[in-house]
Amino acid sequence: MIRSLKQRNSPVAVAVMGAQLAANLPADLRQAHNVLVPVPAHRLRGRQRGFNPAFALASELAARTPLPLRPCLRRTDWSPRQAGAGAISRRASDRIAVELTSKAPRHAILVDDVHTTGATLDACARALRAGGSRFVAAIAYARAL
């Protein structure tokens, strides 16, 4: 499913993955005051793909729940791709830079396709908290171990 999403931008994969995320979203995260915030794609990868997989998933999830979507983050770093990088390299404090592009929601739910080391989610959460979010949770379709 991840490969279909990331490499082919498959509408079927997005729909199935979004439905599974919606079906398994914990009840306390379904509250209408929460806002879905897609994890921004690395700038080079976003340009290569022509889309952001996390945004596609977050959009599908928003369509299946009462939760609004607010893409308010962007990557500002030009670091190498995360794929293939080790955990220590991924967690380096200067490797991933994320900034707000609009007001941070008070209650944010970060949406990503794959959670690997958590470095990108951490950078996004830090940007949201610095921008005024009081609550930040994260969900991902898959977890790489």
C-alpha atoms as a PDB file:
ATOM      1  CA  MET A   1       0.000   0.000   0.000  1.00  0.00           C
ATOM      2  CA  ILE A   2       2.780   2.436   0.908  1.00  0.00           C
ATOM      3  CA  ARG A   3       4.565   1.788  -2.375  1.00  0.00           C
ATOM      4  CA  SER A   4       1.316   2.344  -4.315  1.00  0.00           C
ATOM      5  CA  LEU A   5       0.819   5.609  -2.466  1.00  0.00           C
ATOM      6  CA  LYS A   6       4.362   6.968  -2.688  1.00  0.00           C
ATOM      7  CA  GLN A   7       5.413   5.755  -6.121  1.00  0.00           C
ATOM      8  CA  ARG A   8       2.143   5.809  -8.056  1.00  0.00           C
ATOM      9  CA  ASN A   9      -0.123   8.229  -6.136  1.00  0.00           C
ATOM     10  CA  SER A  10      -2.779   5.542  -6.451  1.00  0.00           C
ATOM     11  CA  PRO A  11      -6.270   6.906  -5.668  1.00  0.00           C
ATOM     12  CA  VAL A  12      -7.316   3.392  -4.611  1.00  0.00           C
ATOM     13  CA  ALA A  13      -4.425   3.150  -2.144  1.00  0.00           C
ATOM     14  CA  VAL A  14      -5.216   6.610  -0.745  1.00  0.00           C
ATOM     15  CA  ALA A  15      -8.891   5.677  -0.305  1.00  0.00           C
ATOM     16  CA  VAL A  16      -8.159   2.349   1.394  1.00  0.00           C
ATOM     17  CA  MET A  17      -5.476   3.808   3.649  1.00  0.00           C
ATOM     18  CA  GLY A  18      -7.673   6.782   4.565  1.00  0.00           C
ATOM     19  CA  ALA A  19     -10.574   4.478   5.376  1.00  0.00           C
ATOM     20  CA  GLN A  20      -8.355   2.356   7.605  1.00  0.00           C
ATOM     21  CA  LEU A  21      -6.998   5.416   9.407  1.00  0.00           C
ATOM     22  CA  ALA A  22     -10.536   6.733   9.930  1.00  0.00           C
ATOM     23  CA  ALA A  23     -11.813   3.381  11.191  1.00  0.00           C
ATOM     24  CA  ASN A  24      -8.995   3.082  13.707  1.00  0.00           C
ATOM     25  CA  LEU A  25      -8.750   6.702  14.861  1.00  0.00           C
ATOM     26  CA  PRO A  26      -9.149   6.761  18.650  1.00  0.00           C
ATOM     27  CA  ALA A  27     -12.371   8.367  19.864  1.00  0.00           C
ATOM     28  CA  ASP A  28     -10.586  11.130  21.791  1.00  0.00           C
ATOM     29  CA  LEU A  29      -8.861  12.250  18.562  1.00  0.00           C
ATOM     30  CA  ARG A  30     -12.210  12.415  16.696  1.00  0.00           C
ATOM     31  CA  GLN A  31     -13.292  15.479  18.683  1.00  0.00           C
ATOM     32  CA  ALA A  32     -14.178  18.379  16.369  1.00  0.00           C
ATOM     33  CA  HIS A  33     -11.733  20.769  18.074  1.00  0.00           C
ATOM     34  CA  ASN A  34      -8.823  18.704  16.706  1.00  0.00           C
ATOM     35  CA  VAL A  35      -7.323  19.721  13.359  1.00  0.00           C
ATOM     36  CA  LEU A  36      -5.513  17.431  10.906  1.00  0.00           C
ATOM     37  CA  VAL A  37      -2.083  18.743   9.924  1.00  0.00           C
ATOM     38  CA  PRO A  38      -0.275  16.817   7.169  1.00  0.00           C
ATOM     39  CA  VAL A  39       3.451  16.336   7.632  1.00  0.00           C
ATOM     40  CA  PRO A  40       5.143  18.373   4.897  1.00  0.00           C
ATOM     41  CA  ALA A  41       7.137  16.528   2.274  1.00  0.00           C
ATOM     42  CA  HIS A  42      10.822  17.194   1.831  1.00  0.00           C
ATOM     43  CA  ARG A  43      10.981  19.922  -0.798  1.00  0.00           C
ATOM     44  CA  LEU A  44      12.945  17.883  -3.348  1.00  0.00           C
ATOM     45  CA  ARG A  45      10.831  14.748  -2.876  1.00  0.00           C
ATOM     46  CA  GLY A  46       7.626  16.749  -3.175  1.00  0.00           C
ATOM     47  CA  ARG A  47       8.830  18.212  -6.454  1.00  0.00           C
ATOM     48  CA  GLN A  48       9.914  14.809  -7.779  1.00  0.00           C
ATOM     49  CA  ARG A  49       6.637  13.130  -6.895  1.00  0.00           C
ATOM     50  CA  GLY A  50       4.407  16.057  -7.705  1.00  0.00           C
ATOM     51  CA  PHE A  51       2.379  15.453  -4.543  1.00  0.00           C
ATOM     52  CA  ASN A  52       2.730  14.924  -0.799  1.00  0.00           C
ATOM     53  CA  PRO A  53       1.649  11.428   0.390  1.00  0.00           C
ATOM     54  CA  ALA A  54       0.876  12.689   3.914  1.00  0.00           C
ATOM     55  CA  PHE A  55      -1.336  15.432   2.493  1.00  0.00           C
ATOM     56  CA  ALA A  56      -3.192  12.867   0.367  1.00  0.00           C
ATOM     57  CA  LEU A  57      -3.826  10.711   3.469  1.00  0.00           C
ATOM     58  CA  ALA A  58      -4.823  13.675   5.627  1.00  0.00           C
ATOM     59  CA  SER A  59      -7.246  14.879   2.939  1.00  0.00           C
ATOM     60  CA  GLU A  60      -8.855  11.450   2.738  1.00  0.00           C
ATOM     61  CA  LEU A  61      -9.068  11.264   6.532  1.00  0.00           C
ATOM     62  CA  ALA A  62     -10.674  14.724   6.675  1.00  0.00           C
ATOM     63  CA  ALA A  63     -13.271  13.586   4.142  1.00  0.00           C
ATOM     64  CA  ARG A  64     -14.151  10.592   6.341  1.00  0.00           C
ATOM     65  CA  THR A  65     -14.260  12.352   9.735  1.00  0.00           C
ATOM     66  CA  PRO A  66     -15.564  15.646  11.139  1.00  0.00           C
ATOM     67  CA  LEU A  67     -11.970  16.876  11.465  1.00  0.00           C
ATOM     68  CA  PRO A  68     -10.842  19.900   9.443  1.00  0.00           C
ATOM     69  CA  LEU A  69      -7.606  19.890   7.468  1.00  0.00           C
ATOM     70  CA  ARG A  70      -5.001  22.640   7.859  1.00  0.00           C
ATOM     71  CA  PRO A  71      -1.744  22.255   5.917  1.00  0.00           C
ATOM     72  CA  CYS A  72       0.153  24.846   7.945  1.00  0.00           C
ATOM     73  CA  LEU A  73       3.693  23.443   7.906  1.00  0.00           C
ATOM     74  CA  ARG A  74       6.519  23.368   5.388  1.00  0.00           C
ATOM     75  CA  ARG A  75       9.994  21.911   5.322  1.00  0.00           C
ATOM     76  CA  THR A  76      12.704  24.544   5.014  1.00  0.00           C
ATOM     77  CA  ASP A  77      15.756  22.305   5.037  1.00  0.00           C
ATOM     78  CA  TRP A  78      17.621  20.950   2.051  1.00  0.00           C
ATOM     79  CA  SER A  79      18.917  17.951   3.974  1.00  0.00           C
ATOM     80  CA  PRO A  80      19.434  14.617   2.236  1.00  0.00           C
ATOM     81  CA  ARG A  81      16.507  12.218   1.980  1.00  0.00           C
ATOM     82  CA  GLN A  82      15.479  10.432   5.153  1.00  0.00           C
ATOM     83  CA  ALA A  83      15.241   7.077   3.340  1.00  0.00           C
ATOM     84  CA  GLY A  84      18.400   5.109   4.024  1.00  0.00           C
ATOM     85  CA  ALA A  85      19.632   7.403   6.791  1.00  0.00           C
ATOM     86  CA  GLY A  86      20.329   5.832  10.179  1.00  0.00           C
ATOM     87  CA  ALA A  87      18.450   6.734  13.337  1.00  0.00           C
ATOM     88  CA  ILE A  88      21.267   8.881  14.745  1.00  0.00           C
ATOM     89  CA  SER A  89      21.586  10.832  11.494  1.00  0.00           C
ATOM     90  CA  ARG A  90      17.801  11.282  11.249  1.00  0.00           C
ATOM     91  CA  ARG A  91      17.601  12.644  14.799  1.00  0.00           C
ATOM     92  CA  ALA A  92      20.380  15.248  14.330  1.00  0.00           C
ATOM     93  CA  SER A  93      18.911  18.550  15.506  1.00  0.00           C
ATOM     94  CA  ASP A  94      19.819  20.446  12.335  1.00  0.00           C
ATOM     95  CA  ARG A  95      18.753  17.794   9.813  1.00  0.00           C
ATOM     96  CA  ILE A  96      15.049  18.635   9.597  1.00  0.00           C
ATOM     97  CA  ALA A  97      13.707  22.179   9.693  1.00  0.00           C
ATOM     98  CA  VAL A  98       9.975  22.858   9.718  1.00  0.00           C
ATOM     99  CA  GLU A  99       8.162  26.172   9.957  1.00  0.00           C
ATOM    100  CA  LEU A 100       4.583  27.377  10.138  1.00  0.00           C
ATOM    101  CA  THR A 101       2.999  28.843   7.018  1.00  0.00           C
ATOM    102  CA  SER A 102      -0.166  29.912   8.844  1.00  0.00           C
ATOM    103  CA  LYS A 103      -1.574  29.975  12.358  1.00  0.00           C
ATOM    104  CA  ALA A 104      -1.055  26.780  14.338  1.00  0.00           C
ATOM    105  CA  PRO A 105      -4.238  25.041  15.505  1.00  0.00           C
ATOM    106  CA  ARG A 106      -4.731  24.775  19.272  1.00  0.00           C
ATOM    107  CA  HIS A 107      -5.234  21.009  18.967  1.00  0.00           C
ATOM    108  CA  ALA A 108      -3.238  19.424  16.139  1.00  0.00           C
ATOM    109  CA  ILE A 109      -3.109  15.870  14.849  1.00  0.00           C
ATOM    110  CA  LEU A 110      -0.081  15.329  12.626  1.00  0.00           C
ATOM    111  CA  VAL A 111      -0.754  12.887   9.792  1.00  0.00           C
ATOM    112  CA  ASP A 112       2.069  10.949   8.122  1.00  0.00           C
ATOM    113  CA  ASP A 113       2.303   7.891   5.929  1.00  0.00           C
ATOM    114  CA  VAL A 114       5.216   6.139   7.649  1.00  0.00           C
ATOM    115  CA  HIS A 115       6.642   6.670  11.145  1.00  0.00           C
ATOM    116  CA  THR A 116      10.261   5.544  11.168  1.00  0.00           C
ATOM    117  CA  THR A 117      12.371   7.204  13.864  1.00  0.00           C
ATOM    118  CA  GLY A 118       9.959  10.020  14.666  1.00  0.00           C
ATOM    119  CA  ALA A 119      12.452  12.727  13.686  1.00  0.00           C
ATOM    120  CA  THR A 120      10.140  14.408  11.176  1.00  0.00           C
ATOM    121  CA  LEU A 121       7.140  14.143  13.490  1.00  0.00           C
ATOM    122  CA  ASP A 122       9.239  15.631  16.290  1.00  0.00           C
ATOM    123  CA  ALA A 123      10.334  18.580  14.127  1.00  0.00           C
ATOM    124  CA  CYS A 124       6.711  19.196  13.104  1.00  0.00           C
ATOM    125  CA  ALA A 125       5.462  18.968  16.695  1.00  0.00           C
ATOM    126  CA  ARG A 126       8.132  21.411  17.855  1.00  0.00           C
ATOM    127  CA  ALA A 127       7.088  23.924  15.172  1.00  0.00           C
ATOM    128  CA  LEU A 128       3.416  23.575  16.127  1.00  0.00           C
ATOM    129  CA  ARG A 129       4.127  23.962  19.848  1.00  0.00           C
ATOM    130  CA  ALA A 130       6.316  27.002  19.201  1.00  0.00           C
ATOM    131  CA  GLY A 131       3.458  28.456  17.163  1.00  0.00           C
ATOM    132  CA  GLY A 132       0.917  28.048  19.954  1.00  0.00           C
ATOM    133  CA  SER A 133      -0.494  24.522  19.702  1.00  0.00           C
ATOM    134  CA  ARG A 134      -1.391  23.299  23.178  1.00  0.00           C
ATOM    135  CA  PHE A 135      -1.977  19.677  22.156  1.00  0.00           C
ATOM    136  CA  VAL A 136      -0.155  17.757  19.429  1.00  0.00           C
ATOM    137  CA  ALA A 137      -0.771  14.106  18.584  1.00  0.00           C
ATOM    138  CA  ALA A 138       0.508  12.109  15.621  1.00  0.00           C
ATOM    139  CA  ILE A 139      -0.913   9.295  13.552  1.00  0.00           C
ATOM    140  CA  ALA A 140       0.715   7.368  10.733  1.00  0.00           C
ATOM    141  CA  TYR A 141      -0.507   4.629   8.444  1.00  0.00           C
ATOM    142  CA  ALA A 142       2.557   2.431   9.040  1.00  0.00           C
ATOM    143  CA  ARG A 143       5.425   2.084  11.485  1.00  0.00           C
ATOM    144  CA  ALA A 144       8.849   0.987  10.269  1.00  0.00           C
ATOM    145  CA  LEU A 145      10.696  -1.025  12.880  1.00  0.00           C
END
